[in-house]
Protein backbone atom coordinates (compact mmCIF):
# COMPACT_ATOMS: atom_id res chain seq x y z
CA MET A 1 18.15 -17.89 -14.53
CA SER A 2 20.87 -19.52 -16.57
CA LEU A 3 20.12 -21.41 -19.75
CA ALA A 4 22.94 -23.82 -19.11
CA ALA A 5 22.36 -27.23 -17.62
CA SER A 6 24.86 -29.64 -16.21
CA PRO A 7 25.63 -32.73 -18.31
CA ALA A 8 23.89 -34.88 -15.72
CA CYS A 9 20.79 -32.76 -16.19
CA GLY A 10 20.07 -33.62 -19.78
CA ALA A 11 22.96 -32.69 -22.00
CA PRO A 12 22.18 -33.97 -25.47
CA VAL A 13 23.65 -37.27 -26.49
CA LYS A 14 26.07 -37.47 -29.38
CA PRO A 15 24.19 -36.59 -32.56
CA LEU A 16 23.25 -39.57 -34.69
CA SER A 17 24.96 -39.97 -38.04
CA VAL A 18 23.04 -41.06 -41.13
CA ALA A 19 25.59 -43.88 -41.37
CA GLU A 20 24.25 -45.44 -38.14
CA ALA A 21 21.39 -47.93 -38.10
CA ARG A 22 20.12 -46.22 -34.93
CA PHE A 23 19.54 -43.05 -36.98
CA TYR A 24 16.96 -44.87 -39.12
CA LEU A 25 15.40 -46.65 -36.15
CA TYR A 26 14.91 -43.47 -34.11
CA THR A 27 13.81 -41.41 -37.12
CA THR A 28 11.20 -44.06 -37.95
CA LEU A 29 9.96 -44.05 -34.35
CA PHE A 30 9.78 -40.24 -34.26
CA VAL A 31 7.92 -40.08 -37.59
CA ALA A 32 5.50 -42.76 -36.33
CA GLY A 33 4.99 -40.66 -33.19
CA ASN A 34 4.34 -37.59 -35.32
CA ILE A 35 1.67 -39.58 -37.17
CA ALA A 36 0.04 -41.20 -34.12
CA LEU A 37 -0.08 -38.10 -31.92
CA PRO A 38 -1.87 -35.92 -34.50
CA ALA A 39 -4.31 -38.77 -35.17
CA LEU A 40 -5.17 -38.79 -31.48
CA CYS A 41 -5.36 -35.01 -31.26
CA HIS A 42 -7.68 -34.84 -34.29
CA LEU A 43 -10.23 -36.84 -32.29
CA VAL A 44 -10.80 -33.58 -30.39
CA PRO A 45 -12.63 -30.96 -32.47
CA GLY A 46 -10.00 -28.44 -33.59
CA GLY A 47 -7.33 -30.54 -31.88
CA GLY A 48 -4.76 -30.32 -34.66
CA PRO A 49 -4.51 -26.53 -34.94
CA MET A 50 -5.00 -26.11 -31.19
CA LEU A 51 -2.49 -28.71 -29.95
CA LEU A 52 0.09 -28.55 -32.81
CA PRO A 53 0.95 -32.25 -32.37
CA ILE A 54 2.93 -32.76 -35.58
CA TYR A 55 5.87 -30.85 -34.14
CA PHE A 56 6.28 -32.72 -30.86
CA PHE A 57 8.62 -35.54 -31.86
CA THR A 58 10.55 -33.22 -34.17
CA LEU A 59 11.45 -31.21 -31.07
CA VAL A 60 12.59 -34.36 -29.27
CA ALA A 61 14.52 -35.70 -32.30
CA GLY A 62 16.35 -32.46 -33.01
CA TRP A 63 17.11 -31.80 -29.35
CA ARG A 64 18.12 -35.28 -28.39
CA PHE A 65 19.75 -36.74 -31.50
CA GLY A 66 20.93 -33.75 -33.48
CA LEU A 67 20.26 -31.88 -36.65
CA ALA A 68 20.18 -34.81 -39.10
CA ALA A 69 17.64 -36.80 -37.06
CA GLY A 70 15.63 -33.64 -36.44
CA LEU A 71 15.57 -32.67 -40.13
CA ALA A 72 14.65 -36.18 -41.25
CA THR A 73 11.78 -36.23 -38.75
CA ALA A 74 10.77 -32.67 -39.68
CA VAL A 75 10.46 -33.44 -43.39
CA LEU A 76 9.20 -37.01 -43.33
CA SER A 77 6.52 -36.52 -40.65
CA PRO A 78 4.24 -34.06 -42.48
CA LEU A 79 4.75 -35.79 -45.84
CA ALA A 80 4.03 -39.28 -44.47
CA ASN A 81 1.10 -37.98 -42.43
CA HIS A 82 -0.38 -36.28 -45.49
CA ALA A 83 0.12 -39.37 -47.66
CA LEU A 84 -1.48 -41.68 -45.08
CA THR A 85 -4.25 -39.50 -43.64
CA GLY A 86 -4.67 -36.47 -45.88
CA MET A 87 -3.65 -34.28 -42.95
CA PRO A 88 -2.24 -31.76 -42.92
CA VAL A 89 -4.09 -30.54 -45.97
CA GLN A 90 -1.89 -29.87 -48.97
CA ALA A 91 -2.31 -26.10 -48.71
CA MET A 92 -0.76 -26.20 -45.22
CA LEU A 93 2.19 -28.44 -46.10
CA PRO A 94 4.64 -25.67 -47.07
CA ALA A 95 4.13 -23.73 -43.83
CA ILE A 96 4.23 -26.88 -41.69
CA LEU A 97 7.39 -28.10 -43.44
CA VAL A 98 9.08 -24.73 -42.91
CA LYS A 99 8.12 -24.66 -39.23
CA SER A 100 9.20 -28.28 -38.76
CA VAL A 101 12.61 -27.66 -40.33
CA LEU A 102 13.05 -24.49 -38.27
CA LEU A 103 12.15 -26.39 -35.09
CA ALA A 104 14.66 -29.16 -35.85
CA ALA A 105 17.44 -26.66 -36.53
CA ILE A 106 16.69 -24.37 -33.58
CA ALA A 107 16.18 -27.25 -31.11
CA SER A 108 19.41 -28.92 -32.19
CA TRP A 109 21.40 -25.69 -31.90
CA ILE A 110 19.96 -24.67 -28.52
CA ALA A 111 20.46 -28.18 -27.11
CA ARG A 112 24.13 -28.21 -28.09
CA ARG A 113 24.72 -24.66 -26.94
CA PHE A 114 22.81 -24.52 -23.65
CA GLY A 115 21.81 -28.02 -22.55
CA LEU A 116 18.44 -28.98 -21.18
CA SER A 117 16.39 -26.54 -19.15
CA LEU A 118 12.77 -25.51 -19.26
CA LEU A 119 13.81 -22.04 -20.40
CA ALA A 120 15.96 -23.45 -23.23
CA VAL A 121 13.10 -25.63 -24.50
CA ALA A 122 10.74 -22.64 -24.30
CA ILE A 123 13.16 -20.55 -26.35
CA ALA A 124 13.40 -23.30 -28.99
CA VAL A 125 9.62 -23.64 -29.27
CA LEU A 126 8.95 -19.90 -29.27
CA GLY A 127 11.84 -19.38 -31.68
CA TYR A 128 10.47 -21.70 -34.34
CA GLN A 129 6.97 -20.29 -33.84
CA VAL A 130 8.12 -16.70 -34.37
CA ALA A 131 10.41 -17.49 -37.31
CA GLY A 132 7.85 -19.86 -38.82
CA GLY A 133 5.09 -17.33 -38.34
CA ILE A 134 7.08 -14.74 -40.28
CA VAL A 135 7.68 -17.21 -43.13
CA GLU A 136 4.04 -18.29 -43.05
CA GLY A 137 3.00 -14.65 -43.26
CA PHE A 138 5.08 -14.23 -46.41
CA LEU A 139 3.84 -17.51 -47.92
CA SER A 140 0.19 -16.68 -47.31
CA ALA A 141 0.43 -12.88 -47.53
CA SER A 142 -1.78 -12.91 -44.44
CA LEU A 143 -0.97 -11.59 -41.00
CA ALA A 144 -3.93 -13.57 -39.62
CA ALA A 145 -2.46 -16.85 -40.91
CA ALA A 146 0.93 -15.94 -39.47
CA LEU A 147 -0.57 -15.29 -36.04
CA ALA A 148 -2.98 -18.26 -36.05
CA ASP A 149 -0.59 -20.68 -34.34
CA PHE A 150 -0.10 -18.21 -31.51
CA ARG A 151 -3.77 -17.43 -31.13
CA VAL A 152 -5.30 -20.87 -31.70
CA GLY A 153 -2.23 -22.95 -30.88
CA LEU A 154 -1.28 -21.50 -27.51
CA PRO A 155 -2.29 -24.73 -25.69
CA GLY A 156 -0.08 -26.68 -28.12
CA ILE A 157 2.83 -24.32 -27.60
CA VAL A 158 2.54 -24.79 -23.84
CA LEU A 159 2.26 -28.58 -24.26
CA GLN A 160 5.33 -28.64 -26.50
CA ILE A 161 7.34 -26.72 -23.94
CA LEU A 162 6.21 -28.65 -20.85
CA GLY A 163 5.78 -32.03 -22.53
CA GLY A 164 8.98 -31.72 -24.53
CA TYR A 165 10.96 -30.76 -21.46
CA THR A 166 9.43 -33.66 -19.50
CA VAL A 167 10.18 -36.25 -22.18
CA LEU A 168 13.71 -34.94 -22.65
CA ARG A 169 14.30 -35.08 -18.88
CA MET A 170 13.02 -38.65 -18.77
CA LEU A 171 15.35 -39.64 -21.61
CA ALA A 172 18.26 -37.94 -19.83
CA ARG A 173 17.50 -39.84 -16.63
CA GLY A 174 17.49 -43.07 -18.61
CA ASP A 175 21.04 -42.31 -19.76
CA ARG A 176 22.26 -42.11 -16.17
CA ASN A 177 20.77 -45.48 -15.20
């Protein structure tokens, strides 16, 4: 199976520049999404660690609008969420920030290199999870902490892959109309 996708099948749009007003509009919407989705997921016991919702719109931002929008979403989402809700807890912020930044960078790169496919989105999600898990292991000096997102967060990883792909496909279809 090829990673490549035809431009009509979800090639990323031109990355947004920080000089564009749309950059700030979309980043604000993605950060708001990364605050609202975790709030909803935390209504389910263990929903945050299980569903990994704070990463969802970072994936979409980095994939769809490029590295700058992805990085802004990656950094602002956990910080704003923590300031407004106390979640994620301060002890988890470094690991979540690292994983968010890795996701934005990996998603942006894979989108530009391969285009949209389910396999490409899966590689982006698994890539940030593996790289982030290694960094988290070093930060916490705990193999258990490094593997927690894989063990506990498997439903969230699957939702990021399938949900992210679905949302990105819907956005790509909107471009053609």
